[in-house]
């Protein structure tokens, strides 16, 4: 190898290393920005849930009167009074929801089992998208 060739090769190696370093720096910046955006978006999504839980522990006059999330005097009795506020106990509604959920899950499992049994022996075009082997 001549002197000019080795110098050119060294220059190309240095440029290539610099480009790889620049690309890695850009990737790190992009990842950082992505994570900052995701954290901010998750806070925006979870704040209403936090506000709802905090408001459930506040007395009625503090819900919209106080800006902070943490109640000054948590009222745990709000849960029992809310459970028994209607003429019919909330337990009745809770039990109805539980029965409907259990029956729906049982019906779904039976229905999907029949469908899986029907799909299994059949040779269908693009079957790999319908049935997991």
C-alpha atoms as a PDB file:
ATOM      1  CA  UNK A   1       0.000   0.000   0.000  1.00  0.00           C
ATOM      2  CA  UNK A   2       1.173   3.422  -0.795  1.00  0.00           C
ATOM      3  CA  UNK A   3       1.298   6.334   1.578  1.00  0.00           C
ATOM      4  CA  UNK A   4      -1.637   8.088  -0.117  1.00  0.00           C
ATOM      5  CA  UNK A   5      -3.797   4.975   0.019  1.00  0.00           C
ATOM      6  CA  UNK A   6      -3.143   4.395   3.710  1.00  0.00           C
ATOM      7  CA  UNK A   7      -3.821   8.078   4.468  1.00  0.00           C
ATOM      8  CA  UNK A   8      -7.074   7.925   2.524  1.00  0.00           C
ATOM      9  CA  UNK A   9      -8.054   4.703   4.310  1.00  0.00           C
ATOM     10  CA  UNK A  10      -7.323   6.316   7.684  1.00  0.00           C
ATOM     11  CA  UNK A  11      -9.418   9.352   6.706  1.00  0.00           C
ATOM     12  CA  UNK A  12     -12.321   7.151   5.635  1.00  0.00           C
ATOM     13  CA  UNK A  13     -12.094   5.153   8.871  1.00  0.00           C
ATOM     14  CA  UNK A  14     -12.158   8.359  10.931  1.00  0.00           C
ATOM     15  CA  UNK A  15     -15.128   9.719   8.975  1.00  0.00           C
ATOM     16  CA  UNK A  16     -16.965   6.431   9.360  1.00  0.00           C
ATOM     17  CA  UNK A  17     -16.318   6.410  13.110  1.00  0.00           C
ATOM     18  CA  UNK A  18     -17.558  10.004  13.366  1.00  0.00           C
ATOM     19  CA  UNK A  19     -20.734   9.158  11.419  1.00  0.00           C
ATOM     20  CA  UNK A  20     -21.397   6.166  13.692  1.00  0.00           C
ATOM     21  CA  UNK A  21     -20.900   8.359  16.763  1.00  0.00           C
ATOM     22  CA  UNK A  22     -23.227  11.031  15.340  1.00  0.00           C
ATOM     23  CA  UNK A  23     -25.846   8.402  14.536  1.00  0.00           C
ATOM     24  CA  UNK A  24     -25.603   6.981  18.070  1.00  0.00           C
ATOM     25  CA  UNK A  25     -25.953  10.479  19.560  1.00  0.00           C
ATOM     26  CA  UNK A  26     -29.044  11.163  17.430  1.00  0.00           C
ATOM     27  CA  UNK A  27     -30.523   7.824  18.459  1.00  0.00           C
ATOM     28  CA  UNK A  28     -29.944   8.603  22.142  1.00  0.00           C
ATOM     29  CA  UNK A  29     -31.553  12.042  21.761  1.00  0.00           C
ATOM     30  CA  UNK A  30     -34.531  10.543  19.942  1.00  0.00           C
ATOM     31  CA  UNK A  31     -34.951   7.898  22.646  1.00  0.00           C
ATOM     32  CA  UNK A  32     -34.746  10.542  25.370  1.00  0.00           C
ATOM     33  CA  UNK A  33     -37.350  12.738  23.654  1.00  0.00           C
ATOM     34  CA  UNK A  34     -39.589   9.739  23.115  1.00  0.00           C
ATOM     35  CA  UNK A  35     -39.391   8.775  26.789  1.00  0.00           C
ATOM     36  CA  UNK A  36     -40.036  12.346  27.947  1.00  0.00           C
ATOM     37  CA  UNK A  37     -43.088  12.519  25.685  1.00  0.00           C
ATOM     38  CA  UNK A  38     -44.381   9.128  26.892  1.00  0.00           C
ATOM     39  CA  UNK A  39     -43.932  10.074  30.554  1.00  0.00           C
ATOM     40  CA  UNK A  40     -45.754  13.379  30.019  1.00  0.00           C
ATOM     41  CA  UNK A  41     -48.549  11.648  28.098  1.00  0.00           C
ATOM     42  CA  UNK A  42     -48.911   8.979  30.781  1.00  0.00           C
ATOM     43  CA  UNK A  43     -49.205  11.670  33.448  1.00  0.00           C
ATOM     44  CA  UNK A  44     -51.932  13.380  31.403  1.00  0.00           C
ATOM     45  CA  UNK A  45     -53.733  10.039  31.107  1.00  0.00           C
ATOM     46  CA  UNK A  46     -53.456   9.044  34.769  1.00  0.00           C
ATOM     47  CA  UNK A  47     -54.196  12.455  36.337  1.00  0.00           C
ATOM     48  CA  UNK A  48     -58.013  12.110  36.057  1.00  0.00           C
ATOM     49  CA  UNK A  49     -57.816   8.764  37.853  1.00  0.00           C
ATOM     50  CA  UNK A  50     -55.685  10.296  40.614  1.00  0.00           C
ATOM     51  CA  UNK A  51     -58.105  13.228  40.884  1.00  0.00           C
ATOM     52  CA  UNK A  52     -61.080  10.844  41.119  1.00  0.00           C
ATOM     53  CA  UNK A  53     -59.504   8.783  43.905  1.00  0.00           C
ATOM     54  CA  UNK A  54     -58.401  11.911  45.789  1.00  0.00           C
ATOM     55  CA  UNK A  55     -61.859  13.492  45.404  1.00  0.00           C
ATOM     56  CA  UNK A  56     -63.544  10.366  46.715  1.00  0.00           C
ATOM     57  CA  UNK A  57     -61.745  10.929  50.025  1.00  0.00           C
ATOM     58  CA  UNK A  58     -62.622  14.637  50.313  1.00  0.00           C
ATOM     59  CA  UNK A  59     -65.748  16.128  51.888  1.00  0.00           C
ATOM     60  CA  UNK A  60     -68.190  17.688  49.391  1.00  0.00           C
ATOM     61  CA  UNK A  61     -67.114  21.280  50.055  1.00  0.00           C
ATOM     62  CA  UNK A  62     -63.436  20.484  49.324  1.00  0.00           C
ATOM     63  CA  UNK A  63     -63.851  18.673  45.990  1.00  0.00           C
ATOM     64  CA  UNK A  64     -63.853  21.790  43.820  1.00  0.00           C
ATOM     65  CA  UNK A  65     -62.705  24.235  46.484  1.00  0.00           C
ATOM     66  CA  UNK A  66     -59.218  22.848  47.066  1.00  0.00           C
ATOM     67  CA  UNK A  67     -56.780  22.525  44.160  1.00  0.00           C
ATOM     68  CA  UNK A  68     -54.422  19.924  45.612  1.00  0.00           C
ATOM     69  CA  UNK A  69     -54.825  16.197  45.170  1.00  0.00           C
ATOM     70  CA  UNK A  70     -54.162  15.256  48.783  1.00  0.00           C
ATOM     71  CA  UNK A  71     -57.222  15.776  51.006  1.00  0.00           C
ATOM     72  CA  UNK A  72     -56.682  17.679  54.247  1.00  0.00           C
ATOM     73  CA  UNK A  73     -58.866  15.244  56.220  1.00  0.00           C
ATOM     74  CA  UNK A  74     -59.582  11.957  54.371  1.00  0.00           C
ATOM     75  CA  UNK A  75     -63.191  10.855  54.761  1.00  0.00           C
ATOM     76  CA  UNK A  76     -63.121   7.060  54.490  1.00  0.00           C
ATOM     77  CA  UNK A  77     -66.820   6.991  55.382  1.00  0.00           C
ATOM     78  CA  UNK A  78     -67.566   8.312  51.848  1.00  0.00           C
ATOM     79  CA  UNK A  79     -67.182   4.758  50.549  1.00  0.00           C
ATOM     80  CA  UNK A  80     -69.721   3.221  52.936  1.00  0.00           C
ATOM     81  CA  UNK A  81     -72.205   6.050  52.428  1.00  0.00           C
ATOM     82  CA  UNK A  82     -71.826   5.719  48.641  1.00  0.00           C
ATOM     83  CA  UNK A  83     -72.318   1.954  48.815  1.00  0.00           C
ATOM     84  CA  UNK A  84     -75.564   2.344  50.776  1.00  0.00           C
ATOM     85  CA  UNK A  85     -76.844   5.629  49.229  1.00  0.00           C
ATOM     86  CA  UNK A  86     -79.515   4.089  46.991  1.00  0.00           C
ATOM     87  CA  UNK A  87     -82.740   2.497  48.234  1.00  0.00           C
ATOM     88  CA  UNK A  88     -81.484  -0.799  46.789  1.00  0.00           C
ATOM     89  CA  UNK A  89     -78.076  -1.810  48.121  1.00  0.00           C
ATOM     90  CA  UNK A  90     -75.155  -1.517  45.712  1.00  0.00           C
ATOM     91  CA  UNK A  91     -74.365  -5.136  46.587  1.00  0.00           C
ATOM     92  CA  UNK A  92     -77.336  -6.149  44.426  1.00  0.00           C
ATOM     93  CA  UNK A  93     -75.875  -4.338  41.383  1.00  0.00           C
ATOM     94  CA  UNK A  94     -72.428  -5.737  42.112  1.00  0.00           C
ATOM     95  CA  UNK A  95     -73.817  -9.288  42.300  1.00  0.00           C
ATOM     96  CA  UNK A  96     -75.727  -8.835  39.006  1.00  0.00           C
ATOM     97  CA  UNK A  97     -72.544  -7.639  37.277  1.00  0.00           C
ATOM     98  CA  UNK A  98     -70.587 -10.598  38.643  1.00  0.00           C
ATOM     99  CA  UNK A  99     -73.205 -13.090  37.385  1.00  0.00           C
ATOM    100  CA  UNK A 100     -73.336 -11.501  33.917  1.00  0.00           C
ATOM    101  CA  UNK A 101     -69.519 -11.488  33.711  1.00  0.00           C
ATOM    102  CA  UNK A 102     -69.130 -15.125  34.755  1.00  0.00           C
ATOM    103  CA  UNK A 103     -71.844 -16.308  32.349  1.00  0.00           C
ATOM    104  CA  UNK A 104     -70.330 -14.256  29.509  1.00  0.00           C
ATOM    105  CA  UNK A 105     -66.894 -15.744  30.078  1.00  0.00           C
ATOM    106  CA  UNK A 106     -68.289 -19.279  30.190  1.00  0.00           C
ATOM    107  CA  UNK A 107     -70.263 -18.677  26.974  1.00  0.00           C
ATOM    108  CA  UNK A 108     -67.220 -17.167  25.274  1.00  0.00           C
ATOM    109  CA  UNK A 109     -64.987 -20.113  26.224  1.00  0.00           C
ATOM    110  CA  UNK A 110     -67.555 -22.612  24.921  1.00  0.00           C
ATOM    111  CA  UNK A 111     -68.107 -20.659  21.690  1.00  0.00           C
ATOM    112  CA  UNK A 112     -64.379 -20.263  21.035  1.00  0.00           C
ATOM    113  CA  UNK A 113     -63.792 -23.944  21.754  1.00  0.00           C
ATOM    114  CA  UNK A 114     -66.334 -24.907  19.095  1.00  0.00           C
ATOM    115  CA  UNK A 115     -64.763 -22.483  16.612  1.00  0.00           C
ATOM    116  CA  UNK A 116     -61.264 -23.823  17.338  1.00  0.00           C
ATOM    117  CA  UNK A 117     -62.494 -27.374  16.849  1.00  0.00           C
ATOM    118  CA  UNK A 118     -63.972 -26.405  13.489  1.00  0.00           C
ATOM    119  CA  UNK A 119     -60.839 -24.546  12.324  1.00  0.00           C
ATOM    120  CA  UNK A 120     -58.329 -27.162  13.416  1.00  0.00           C
ATOM    121  CA  UNK A 121     -58.703 -29.893  10.742  1.00  0.00           C
ATOM    122  CA  UNK A 122     -59.636 -27.574   7.879  1.00  0.00           C
ATOM    123  CA  UNK A 123     -57.039 -26.444   5.364  1.00  0.00           C
ATOM    124  CA  UNK A 124     -57.770 -22.779   4.718  1.00  0.00           C
ATOM    125  CA  UNK A 125     -55.871 -20.279   2.577  1.00  0.00           C
ATOM    126  CA  UNK A 126     -53.645 -18.183   4.898  1.00  0.00           C
ATOM    127  CA  UNK A 127     -54.448 -20.471   7.811  1.00  0.00           C
ATOM    128  CA  UNK A 128     -51.410 -19.254   9.739  1.00  0.00           C
ATOM    129  CA  UNK A 129     -53.239 -15.976  10.381  1.00  0.00           C
ATOM    130  CA  UNK A 130     -56.322 -17.710  11.813  1.00  0.00           C
ATOM    131  CA  UNK A 131     -54.919 -20.484  13.981  1.00  0.00           C
ATOM    132  CA  UNK A 132     -51.821 -20.518  16.140  1.00  0.00           C
ATOM    133  CA  UNK A 133     -49.894 -23.769  15.908  1.00  0.00           C
END
